[in-house]
C-alpha atoms as a PDB file:
ATOM      1  CA  MET A   1      44.750 107.842 131.029  1.00  0.00           C
ATOM      2  CA  GLU A   2      45.659 109.548 127.743  1.00  0.00           C
ATOM      3  CA  ARG A   3      47.051 112.552 129.605  1.00  0.00           C
ATOM      4  CA  LYS A   4      49.144 110.251 131.803  1.00  0.00           C
ATOM      5  CA  TRP A   5      50.456 108.367 128.757  1.00  0.00           C
ATOM      6  CA  ASN A   6      51.419 111.633 127.072  1.00  0.00           C
ATOM      7  CA  LYS A   7      53.225 112.771 130.188  1.00  0.00           C
ATOM      8  CA  SER A   8      55.223 109.559 130.512  1.00  0.00           C
ATOM      9  CA  SER A   9      55.979 109.612 126.800  1.00  0.00           C
ATOM     10  CA  LEU A  10      57.261 113.177 127.095  1.00  0.00           C
ATOM     11  CA  MET A  11      59.406 112.124 130.057  1.00  0.00           C
ATOM     12  CA  GLY A  12      60.958 109.354 127.950  1.00  0.00           C
ATOM     13  CA  TRP A  13      61.786 111.754 125.133  1.00  0.00           C
ATOM     14  CA  GLN A  14      63.449 114.060 127.654  1.00  0.00           C
ATOM     15  CA  PHE A  15      65.765 111.234 128.695  1.00  0.00           C
ATOM     16  CA  ILE A  16      66.878 110.391 125.154  1.00  0.00           C
ATOM     17  CA  ALA A  17      66.900 113.926 123.734  1.00  0.00           C
ATOM     18  CA  ILE A  18      70.427 114.886 124.846  1.00  0.00           C
ATOM     19  CA  PRO A  19      72.097 111.537 123.908  1.00  0.00           C
ATOM     20  CA  SER A  20      70.326 111.593 120.550  1.00  0.00           C
ATOM     21  CA  ALA A  21      71.461 115.160 119.894  1.00  0.00           C
ATOM     22  CA  LEU A  22      75.048 114.255 120.794  1.00  0.00           C
ATOM     23  CA  ILE A  23      74.975 111.230 118.458  1.00  0.00           C
ATOM     24  CA  LEU A  24      73.641 113.379 115.626  1.00  0.00           C
ATOM     25  CA  LEU A  25      76.235 116.074 116.302  1.00  0.00           C
ATOM     26  CA  PHE A  26      79.343 113.932 116.746  1.00  0.00           C
ATOM     27  CA  SER A  27      78.530 110.903 114.545  1.00  0.00           C
ATOM     28  CA  PHE A  28      75.987 111.506 111.804  1.00  0.00           C
ATOM     29  CA  TYR A  29      76.864 115.144 111.085  1.00  0.00           C
ATOM     30  CA  PRO A  30      80.600 114.380 110.499  1.00  0.00           C
ATOM     31  CA  MET A  31      79.582 111.406 108.325  1.00  0.00           C
ATOM     32  CA  PHE A  32      77.348 113.630 106.208  1.00  0.00           C
ATOM     33  CA  GLN A  33      80.004 116.339 105.981  1.00  0.00           C
ATOM     34  CA  SER A  34      82.673 113.838 104.936  1.00  0.00           C
ATOM     35  CA  LEU A  35      80.341 112.533 102.235  1.00  0.00           C
ATOM     36  CA  LEU A  36      79.925 116.066 100.883  1.00  0.00           C
ATOM     37  CA  LEU A  37      83.670 116.583 101.171  1.00  0.00           C
ATOM     38  CA  SER A  38      84.334 113.516  99.012  1.00  0.00           C
ATOM     39  CA  PHE A  39      82.787 115.384  96.061  1.00  0.00           C
ATOM     40  CA  GLN A  40      85.192 118.295  96.500  1.00  0.00           C
ATOM     41  CA  SER A  41      88.888 118.836  95.924  1.00  0.00           C
ATOM     42  CA  GLY A  42      91.536 121.407  96.717  1.00  0.00           C
ATOM     43  CA  LYS A  43      94.601 122.138  98.791  1.00  0.00           C
ATOM     44  CA  GLY A  44      94.371 123.084 102.419  1.00  0.00           C
ATOM     45  CA  THR A  45      90.970 124.586 103.177  1.00  0.00           C
ATOM     46  CA  VAL A  46      90.230 125.880  99.663  1.00  0.00           C
ATOM     47  CA  TYR A  47      87.781 123.480  98.005  1.00  0.00           C
ATOM     48  CA  HIS A  48      85.763 123.365  94.830  1.00  0.00           C
ATOM     49  CA  TYR A  49      83.109 120.924  93.660  1.00  0.00           C
ATOM     50  CA  VAL A  50      84.440 118.219  91.316  1.00  0.00           C
ATOM     51  CA  GLY A  51      81.510 115.784  91.208  1.00  0.00           C
ATOM     52  CA  ILE A  52      82.592 112.156  90.984  1.00  0.00           C
ATOM     53  CA  ASP A  53      86.123 112.988  89.785  1.00  0.00           C
ATOM     54  CA  ASN A  54      87.607 111.846  93.102  1.00  0.00           C
ATOM     55  CA  TYR A  55      85.864 108.477  92.802  1.00  0.00           C
ATOM     56  CA  VAL A  56      87.043 108.088  89.203  1.00  0.00           C
ATOM     57  CA  ARG A  57      90.572 108.926  90.333  1.00  0.00           C
ATOM     58  CA  LEU A  58      90.566 105.898  92.665  1.00  0.00           C
ATOM     59  CA  PHE A  59      90.682 103.496  89.717  1.00  0.00           C
ATOM     60  CA  SER A  60      93.805 105.133  88.272  1.00  0.00           C
ATOM     61  CA  ASP A  61      95.645 105.811  91.543  1.00  0.00           C
ATOM     62  CA  PRO A  62      98.566 103.333  91.840  1.00  0.00           C
ATOM     63  CA  MET A  63      99.136 104.207  95.497  1.00  0.00           C
ATOM     64  CA  PHE A  64      95.514 103.471  96.356  1.00  0.00           C
ATOM     65  CA  LYS A  65      95.683 100.152  94.482  1.00  0.00           C
ATOM     66  CA  GLN A  66      98.847  99.215  96.401  1.00  0.00           C
ATOM     67  CA  ALA A  67      97.201 100.089  99.708  1.00  0.00           C
ATOM     68  CA  VAL A  68      94.100  98.046  98.825  1.00  0.00           C
ATOM     69  CA  LEU A  69      96.191  95.018  97.822  1.00  0.00           C
ATOM     70  CA  ASN A  70      98.204  95.221 101.054  1.00  0.00           C
ATOM     71  CA  THR A  71      95.071  95.530 103.175  1.00  0.00           C
ATOM     72  CA  LEU A  72      93.310  92.655 101.411  1.00  0.00           C
ATOM     73  CA  LEU A  73      96.428  90.519 101.864  1.00  0.00           C
ATOM     74  CA  TYR A  74      96.293  91.084 105.625  1.00  0.00           C
ATOM     75  CA  LEU A  75      92.574  90.334 105.546  1.00  0.00           C
ATOM     76  CA  VAL A  76      92.806  87.091 103.569  1.00  0.00           C
ATOM     77  CA  VAL A  77      95.825  85.698 105.426  1.00  0.00           C
ATOM     78  CA  GLN A  78      95.603  87.011 108.959  1.00  0.00           C
ATOM     79  CA  VAL A  79      91.883  86.952 109.782  1.00  0.00           C
ATOM     80  CA  PRO A  80      91.320  83.196 109.128  1.00  0.00           C
ATOM     81  CA  ILE A  81      94.501  82.319 111.052  1.00  0.00           C
ATOM     82  CA  MET A  82      93.467  84.499 113.987  1.00  0.00           C
ATOM     83  CA  LEU A  83      89.921  83.142 114.136  1.00  0.00           C
ATOM     84  CA  MET A  84      90.978  79.499 113.892  1.00  0.00           C
ATOM     85  CA  LEU A  85      93.738  79.980 116.453  1.00  0.00           C
ATOM     86  CA  GLY A  86      91.331  81.722 118.836  1.00  0.00           C
ATOM     87  CA  MET A  87      88.848  78.868 118.423  1.00  0.00           C
ATOM     88  CA  VAL A  88      91.453  76.169 119.130  1.00  0.00           C
ATOM     89  CA  ILE A  89      92.829  77.993 122.176  1.00  0.00           C
ATOM     90  CA  ALA A  90      89.320  78.539 123.542  1.00  0.00           C
ATOM     91  CA  HIS A  91      88.556  74.832 123.078  1.00  0.00           C
ATOM     92  CA  LEU A  92      91.706  73.864 124.981  1.00  0.00           C
ATOM     93  CA  LEU A  93      90.992  76.305 127.800  1.00  0.00           C
ATOM     94  CA  ASN A  94      87.414  75.058 128.080  1.00  0.00           C
ATOM     95  CA  ASN A  95      88.661  71.700 129.351  1.00  0.00           C
ATOM     96  CA  PRO A  96      87.336  71.400 132.947  1.00  0.00           C
ATOM     97  CA  GLN A  97      90.343  69.283 133.920  1.00  0.00           C
ATOM     98  CA  LEU A  98      92.890  71.905 132.874  1.00  0.00           C
ATOM     99  CA  ARG A  99      94.741  73.485 135.781  1.00  0.00           C
ATOM    100  CA  PHE A 100      95.732  77.173 136.031  1.00  0.00           C
ATOM    101  CA  LYS A 101      93.072  78.153 133.486  1.00  0.00           C
ATOM    102  CA  GLY A 102      92.836  81.645 134.917  1.00  0.00           C
ATOM    103  CA  PHE A 103      96.552  82.215 134.332  1.00  0.00           C
ATOM    104  CA  TYR A 104      96.398  80.977 130.726  1.00  0.00           C
ATOM    105  CA  ARG A 105      93.325  83.060 129.905  1.00  0.00           C
ATOM    106  CA  THR A 106      94.915  86.196 131.333  1.00  0.00           C
ATOM    107  CA  ALA A 107      98.227  85.588 129.559  1.00  0.00           C
ATOM    108  CA  ILE A 108      96.554  85.078 126.173  1.00  0.00           C
ATOM    109  CA  PHE A 109      94.190  88.037 126.570  1.00  0.00           C
ATOM    110  CA  LEU A 110      96.887  90.367 127.945  1.00  0.00           C
ATOM    111  CA  PRO A 111      98.232  91.490 124.502  1.00  0.00           C
ATOM    112  CA  CYS A 112      94.829  93.075 123.772  1.00  0.00           C
ATOM    113  CA  VAL A 113      95.296  95.580 126.589  1.00  0.00           C
ATOM    114  CA  THR A 114      98.999  96.139 125.997  1.00  0.00           C
ATOM    115  CA  SER A 115     100.030  99.641 124.999  1.00  0.00           C
ATOM    116  CA  LEU A 116     100.196  99.896 121.222  1.00  0.00           C
ATOM    117  CA  VAL A 117     103.463 101.820 121.240  1.00  0.00           C
ATOM    118  CA  SER A 118     105.033  99.380 123.703  1.00  0.00           C
ATOM    119  CA  TYR A 119     104.187  96.326 121.672  1.00  0.00           C
ATOM    120  CA  ALA A 120     105.244  98.028 118.423  1.00  0.00           C
ATOM    121  CA  VAL A 121     108.641  98.812 119.957  1.00  0.00           C
ATOM    122  CA  LEU A 122     108.823  95.206 121.170  1.00  0.00           C
ATOM    123  CA  PHE A 123     108.240  93.793 117.692  1.00  0.00           C
ATOM    124  CA  LYS A 124     110.646  96.257 116.094  1.00  0.00           C
ATOM    125  CA  SER A 125     113.360  95.200 118.533  1.00  0.00           C
ATOM    126  CA  ILE A 126     112.638  91.473 118.063  1.00  0.00           C
ATOM    127  CA  PHE A 127     112.762  91.688 114.267  1.00  0.00           C
ATOM    128  CA  ALA A 128     115.621  94.200 114.051  1.00  0.00           C
ATOM    129  CA  VAL A 129     118.803  93.218 112.202  1.00  0.00           C
ATOM    130  CA  ASP A 130     120.559  92.886 115.564  1.00  0.00           C
ATOM    131  CA  GLY A 131     117.389  91.707 117.322  1.00  0.00           C
ATOM    132  CA  ILE A 132     116.843  88.639 119.443  1.00  0.00           C
ATOM    133  CA  LEU A 133     115.291  86.592 116.609  1.00  0.00           C
ATOM    134  CA  ASN A 134     118.334  86.911 114.364  1.00  0.00           C
ATOM    135  CA  LYS A 135     120.618  86.116 117.283  1.00  0.00           C
ATOM    136  CA  MET A 136     118.659  82.945 118.060  1.00  0.00           C
ATOM    137  CA  LEU A 137     118.630  81.799 114.428  1.00  0.00           C
ATOM    138  CA  LEU A 138     122.373  82.494 114.103  1.00  0.00           C
ATOM    139  CA  SER A 139     123.106  80.574 117.295  1.00  0.00           C
ATOM    140  CA  VAL A 140     121.394  77.430 115.961  1.00  0.00           C
ATOM    141  CA  HIS A 141     122.924  77.953 112.486  1.00  0.00           C
ATOM    142  CA  MET A 142     119.569  78.271 110.713  1.00  0.00           C
ATOM    143  CA  ILE A 143     120.808  81.389 108.916  1.00  0.00           C
ATOM    144  CA  GLN A 144     124.298  82.439 107.862  1.00  0.00           C
ATOM    145  CA  GLU A 145     123.794  86.198 108.229  1.00  0.00           C
ATOM    146  CA  PRO A 146     121.192  88.441 109.908  1.00  0.00           C
ATOM    147  CA  VAL A 147     117.922  88.891 108.039  1.00  0.00           C
ATOM    148  CA  ALA A 148     116.610  92.437 107.522  1.00  0.00           C
ATOM    149  CA  TRP A 149     113.028  91.481 108.351  1.00  0.00           C
ATOM    150  CA  LEU A 150     111.586  94.985 108.258  1.00  0.00           C
ATOM    151  CA  MET A 151     113.494  96.006 105.119  1.00  0.00           C
ATOM    152  CA  ASP A 152     112.232  93.170 102.937  1.00  0.00           C
ATOM    153  CA  PRO A 153     108.716  93.653 101.420  1.00  0.00           C
ATOM    154  CA  VAL A 154     107.650  90.029 101.984  1.00  0.00           C
ATOM    155  CA  TRP A 155     109.050  89.600 105.479  1.00  0.00           C
ATOM    156  CA  ALA A 156     107.771  93.035 106.549  1.00  0.00           C
ATOM    157  CA  ARG A 157     104.234  91.917 105.672  1.00  0.00           C
ATOM    158  CA  VAL A 158     104.802  88.701 107.617  1.00  0.00           C
ATOM    159  CA  VAL A 159     105.886  90.710 110.668  1.00  0.00           C
ATOM    160  CA  ILE A 160     102.719  92.827 110.473  1.00  0.00           C
ATOM    161  CA  ILE A 161     100.554  89.685 110.215  1.00  0.00           C
ATOM    162  CA  VAL A 162     102.336  88.078 113.177  1.00  0.00           C
ATOM    163  CA  ALA A 163     101.949  91.260 115.237  1.00  0.00           C
ATOM    164  CA  ILE A 164      98.216  91.585 114.544  1.00  0.00           C
ATOM    165  CA  THR A 165      97.639  87.903 115.252  1.00  0.00           C
ATOM    166  CA  TRP A 166      99.581  88.098 118.519  1.00  0.00           C
ATOM    167  CA  ARG A 167      97.567  91.059 119.709  1.00  0.00           C
ATOM    168  CA  TRP A 168      94.004  90.159 118.704  1.00  0.00           C
ATOM    169  CA  THR A 169      93.782  86.361 118.950  1.00  0.00           C
ATOM    170  CA  GLY A 170      93.036  86.569 122.674  1.00  0.00           C
ATOM    171  CA  TYR A 171      90.235  89.044 122.010  1.00  0.00           C
ATOM    172  CA  ASN A 172      88.377  86.543 119.813  1.00  0.00           C
ATOM    173  CA  MET A 173      89.280  83.709 122.154  1.00  0.00           C
ATOM    174  CA  ILE A 174      87.265  85.343 124.953  1.00  0.00           C
ATOM    175  CA  PHE A 175      84.111  85.366 122.794  1.00  0.00           C
ATOM    176  CA  TYR A 176      84.513  81.722 121.838  1.00  0.00           C
ATOM    177  CA  LEU A 177      85.310  80.638 125.379  1.00  0.00           C
ATOM    178  CA  SER A 178      82.281  82.386 126.872  1.00  0.00           C
ATOM    179  CA  ALA A 179      80.050  80.827 124.202  1.00  0.00           C
ATOM    180  CA  MET A 180      81.497  77.340 124.749  1.00  0.00           C
ATOM    181  CA  GLN A 181      80.780  77.552 128.452  1.00  0.00           C
ATOM    182  CA  ASN A 182      77.093  78.088 127.651  1.00  0.00           C
ATOM    183  CA  ILE A 183      76.822  74.815 125.705  1.00  0.00           C
ATOM    184  CA  ASP A 184      74.998  72.159 127.731  1.00  0.00           C
ATOM    185  CA  PRO A 185      77.530  69.450 128.770  1.00  0.00           C
ATOM    186  CA  SER A 186      74.822  66.801 128.366  1.00  0.00           C
ATOM    187  CA  ILE A 187      75.103  67.251 124.582  1.00  0.00           C
ATOM    188  CA  TYR A 188      78.722  66.118 124.681  1.00  0.00           C
ATOM    189  CA  GLU A 189      77.835  63.270 127.046  1.00  0.00           C
ATOM    190  CA  ALA A 190      75.182  62.005 124.643  1.00  0.00           C
ATOM    191  CA  ALA A 191      77.628  62.258 121.756  1.00  0.00           C
ATOM    192  CA  SER A 192      80.244  60.284 123.709  1.00  0.00           C
ATOM    193  CA  ILE A 193      77.711  57.561 124.450  1.00  0.00           C
ATOM    194  CA  ASP A 194      76.950  57.353 120.723  1.00  0.00           C
ATOM    195  CA  GLY A 195      80.678  56.853 120.060  1.00  0.00           C
ATOM    196  CA  ALA A 196      81.599  60.295 118.741  1.00  0.00           C
ATOM    197  CA  SER A 197      85.291  61.090 119.157  1.00  0.00           C
ATOM    198  CA  LYS A 198      86.557  64.410 120.561  1.00  0.00           C
ATOM    199  CA  PRO A 199      87.463  65.815 117.108  1.00  0.00           C
ATOM    200  CA  ARG A 200      84.035  64.753 115.797  1.00  0.00           C
ATOM    201  CA  GLN A 201      82.332  66.489 118.724  1.00  0.00           C
ATOM    202  CA  PHE A 202      84.345  69.635 118.057  1.00  0.00           C
ATOM    203  CA  PHE A 203      83.414  69.846 114.376  1.00  0.00           C
ATOM    204  CA  SER A 204      79.843  68.505 114.669  1.00  0.00           C
ATOM    205  CA  ILE A 205      78.721  70.116 117.929  1.00  0.00           C
ATOM    206  CA  THR A 206      80.990  72.955 119.061  1.00  0.00           C
ATOM    207  CA  ILE A 207      81.490  74.784 115.768  1.00  0.00           C
ATOM    208  CA  PRO A 208      77.820  74.622 114.614  1.00  0.00           C
ATOM    209  CA  MET A 209      76.625  75.888 118.002  1.00  0.00           C
ATOM    210  CA  LEU A 210      79.117  78.770 117.857  1.00  0.00           C
ATOM    211  CA  LYS A 211      77.907  79.894 114.432  1.00  0.00           C
ATOM    212  CA  PRO A 212      76.505  83.281 115.600  1.00  0.00           C
ATOM    213  CA  ILE A 213      79.698  84.057 117.520  1.00  0.00           C
ATOM    214  CA  LEU A 214      81.838  82.963 114.561  1.00  0.00           C
ATOM    215  CA  LEU A 215      79.877  85.286 112.294  1.00  0.00           C
ATOM    216  CA  PHE A 216      80.200  88.158 114.774  1.00  0.00           C
ATOM    217  CA  THR A 217      83.968  87.764 115.230  1.00  0.00           C
ATOM    218  CA  ALA A 218      84.468  87.373 111.477  1.00  0.00           C
ATOM    219  CA  ILE A 219      82.655  90.659 110.817  1.00  0.00           C
ATOM    220  CA  ILE A 220      84.425  92.691 113.514  1.00  0.00           C
ATOM    221  CA  SER A 221      87.813  91.213 112.569  1.00  0.00           C
ATOM    222  CA  THR A 222      87.193  92.049 108.912  1.00  0.00           C
ATOM    223  CA  ASN A 223      86.181  95.604 109.800  1.00  0.00           C
ATOM    224  CA  GLY A 224      89.206  96.049 112.035  1.00  0.00           C
ATOM    225  CA  THR A 225      91.633  94.741 109.410  1.00  0.00           C
ATOM    226  CA  LEU A 226      90.210  96.957 106.667  1.00  0.00           C
ATOM    227  CA  GLN A 227      90.814  99.926 108.986  1.00  0.00           C
ATOM    228  CA  LEU A 228      94.280  98.743 110.069  1.00  0.00           C
ATOM    229  CA  PHE A 229      96.498 101.708 110.872  1.00  0.00           C
ATOM    230  CA  ASP A 230      98.357 101.666 114.192  1.00  0.00           C
ATOM    231  CA  GLU A 231     100.472  98.536 113.770  1.00  0.00           C
ATOM    232  CA  VAL A 232     101.683  99.456 110.283  1.00  0.00           C
ATOM    233  CA  VAL A 233     102.534 103.044 111.199  1.00  0.00           C
ATOM    234  CA  ASN A 234     104.390 102.130 114.382  1.00  0.00           C
ATOM    235  CA  ILE A 235     106.259  99.045 113.134  1.00  0.00           C
ATOM    236  CA  THR A 236     107.136  99.727 109.470  1.00  0.00           C
ATOM    237  CA  ASN A 237     105.600 103.154 108.729  1.00  0.00           C
ATOM    238  CA  GLY A 238     104.277 101.645 105.505  1.00  0.00           C
ATOM    239  CA  GLY A 239     107.694 100.609 104.219  1.00  0.00           C
ATOM    240  CA  PRO A 240     109.735  99.404 102.622  1.00  0.00           C
ATOM    241  CA  GLY A 241     108.563 101.165  99.471  1.00  0.00           C
ATOM    242  CA  ASN A 242     104.899 101.304 100.565  1.00  0.00           C
ATOM    243  CA  SER A 243     104.818  97.488 100.598  1.00  0.00           C
ATOM    244  CA  THR A 244     102.997  97.407 103.967  1.00  0.00           C
ATOM    245  CA  MET A 245     100.946 100.608 103.688  1.00  0.00           C
ATOM    246  CA  THR A 246      97.228 100.167 104.369  1.00  0.00           C
ATOM    247  CA  ILE A 247      94.238 102.178 103.187  1.00  0.00           C
ATOM    248  CA  SER A 248      93.936 103.969 106.526  1.00  0.00           C
ATOM    249  CA  GLN A 249      97.573 105.004 106.442  1.00  0.00           C
ATOM    250  CA  TYR A 250      97.094 106.273 102.894  1.00  0.00           C
ATOM    251  CA  ILE A 251      94.179 108.405 104.129  1.00  0.00           C
ATOM    252  CA  TYR A 252      96.419 109.797 106.865  1.00  0.00           C
ATOM    253  CA  ASN A 253      99.180 110.537 104.354  1.00  0.00           C
ATOM    254  CA  LEU A 254      96.738 112.316 102.031  1.00  0.00           C
ATOM    255  CA  SER A 255      95.572 114.467 104.943  1.00  0.00           C
ATOM    256  CA  PHE A 256      98.748 115.235 106.865  1.00  0.00           C
ATOM    257  CA  VAL A 257     101.892 113.936 105.122  1.00  0.00           C
ATOM    258  CA  TYR A 258     101.446 114.798 101.454  1.00  0.00           C
ATOM    259  CA  THR A 259     100.038 118.107 100.255  1.00  0.00           C
ATOM    260  CA  PRO A 260      96.722 118.100 102.161  1.00  0.00           C
ATOM    261  CA  ASN A 261      93.775 116.995 100.037  1.00  0.00           C
ATOM    262  CA  PHE A 262      90.976 116.276 102.463  1.00  0.00           C
ATOM    263  CA  GLY A 263      88.449 115.839  99.673  1.00  0.00           C
ATOM    264  CA  TYR A 264      90.276 112.922  98.098  1.00  0.00           C
ATOM    265  CA  ALA A 265      91.081 111.532 101.570  1.00  0.00           C
ATOM    266  CA  ALA A 266      87.341 111.495 102.320  1.00  0.00           C
ATOM    267  CA  THR A 267      86.768 109.643  99.048  1.00  0.00           C
ATOM    268  CA  VAL A 268      89.281 106.958 100.033  1.00  0.00           C
ATOM    269  CA  SER A 269      87.541 106.743 103.413  1.00  0.00           C
ATOM    270  CA  TYR A 270      84.252 105.948 101.715  1.00  0.00           C
ATOM    271  CA  ALA A 271      86.027 103.265  99.711  1.00  0.00           C
ATOM    272  CA  ILE A 272      86.648 101.552 103.066  1.00  0.00           C
ATOM    273  CA  VAL A 273      82.995 102.043 103.995  1.00  0.00           C
ATOM    274  CA  PHE A 274      81.956 100.394 100.738  1.00  0.00           C
ATOM    275  CA  MET A 275      84.298  97.431 101.234  1.00  0.00           C
ATOM    276  CA  VAL A 276      83.195  96.954 104.846  1.00  0.00           C
ATOM    277  CA  ALA A 277      79.524  96.994 103.820  1.00  0.00           C
ATOM    278  CA  VAL A 278      80.030  94.568 100.922  1.00  0.00           C
ATOM    279  CA  LEU A 279      82.083  92.090 102.938  1.00  0.00           C
ATOM    280  CA  ALA A 280      79.671  92.268 105.886  1.00  0.00           C
ATOM    281  CA  LEU A 281      76.734  91.540 103.582  1.00  0.00           C
ATOM    282  CA  ILE A 282      78.603  88.591 102.046  1.00  0.00           C
ATOM    283  CA  GLN A 283      79.440  87.204 105.476  1.00  0.00           C
ATOM    284  CA  LEU A 284      75.839  87.610 106.639  1.00  0.00           C
ATOM    285  CA  LYS A 285      74.603  85.940 103.459  1.00  0.00           C
ATOM    286  CA  VAL A 286      77.016  83.020 103.760  1.00  0.00           C
ATOM    287  CA  GLY A 287      76.923  82.559 107.523  1.00  0.00           C
ATOM    288  CA  GLY A 288      73.465  83.871 108.409  1.00  0.00           C
ATOM    289  CA  GLU A 289      70.481  81.725 109.288  1.00  0.00           C
ATOM    290  CA  LYS A 290      68.201  80.711 106.458  1.00  0.00           C
ATOM    291  CA  ARG A 291      64.677  81.949 107.099  1.00  0.00           C
END
């Protein structure tokens, strides 16, 4: 029996050996190397050990502070809007009497699978000085002259927030909708018999029962926003005047646009890791189950 158990155990290790080795090689090894790199500095491939100087430099780097403020602005404004909007849309689409639900679900989820470059070009054309939005506003006399949306620091941030919300709301909506469909309808029937209105049922039944999904979507949305890169680079390229630049774009600039300093870029990367970990712990503490 012991020999048979050892044989089956060895067989199991054979199955997981190659995947485990690949994970160590392509995930954990680069993470460890980047951590070592964050304690080094230099131009190109010539590095020297600088201790925690790179981490101290973060607190006096105005560009890093600007990137952090921009990223946190997207996080604080866009994530709550996206999650609430996804929840409301999912609630509306969960109505069994609604017709053409398949069409609506597909249409709302479709932006998630849209090519990033295509949708960036779309938003740039919509919000261009001679774009369709300015033409519509001029035609109804809401503005007297075209607005340079992407050249104004405030409006450029608004465009980025609108673009992210448009693309990722449907992604969260799918999670909420699938969770709502697993709620026993008899719970709502009992609540209706007791006189609970539809809004009361939504806030007292639906939202509490979706707490794990809400926590999950909040964490992944927070992580995604802190690592925001593609939308900013393709729509505004961080402008005007770095007013929309995110931390991830700053890392890219440190590595490939400015004089390459991969050591300091790795340090900024671990600043994101720290923020993701702290915010995830806060969200788990606030939204997690009390044991």
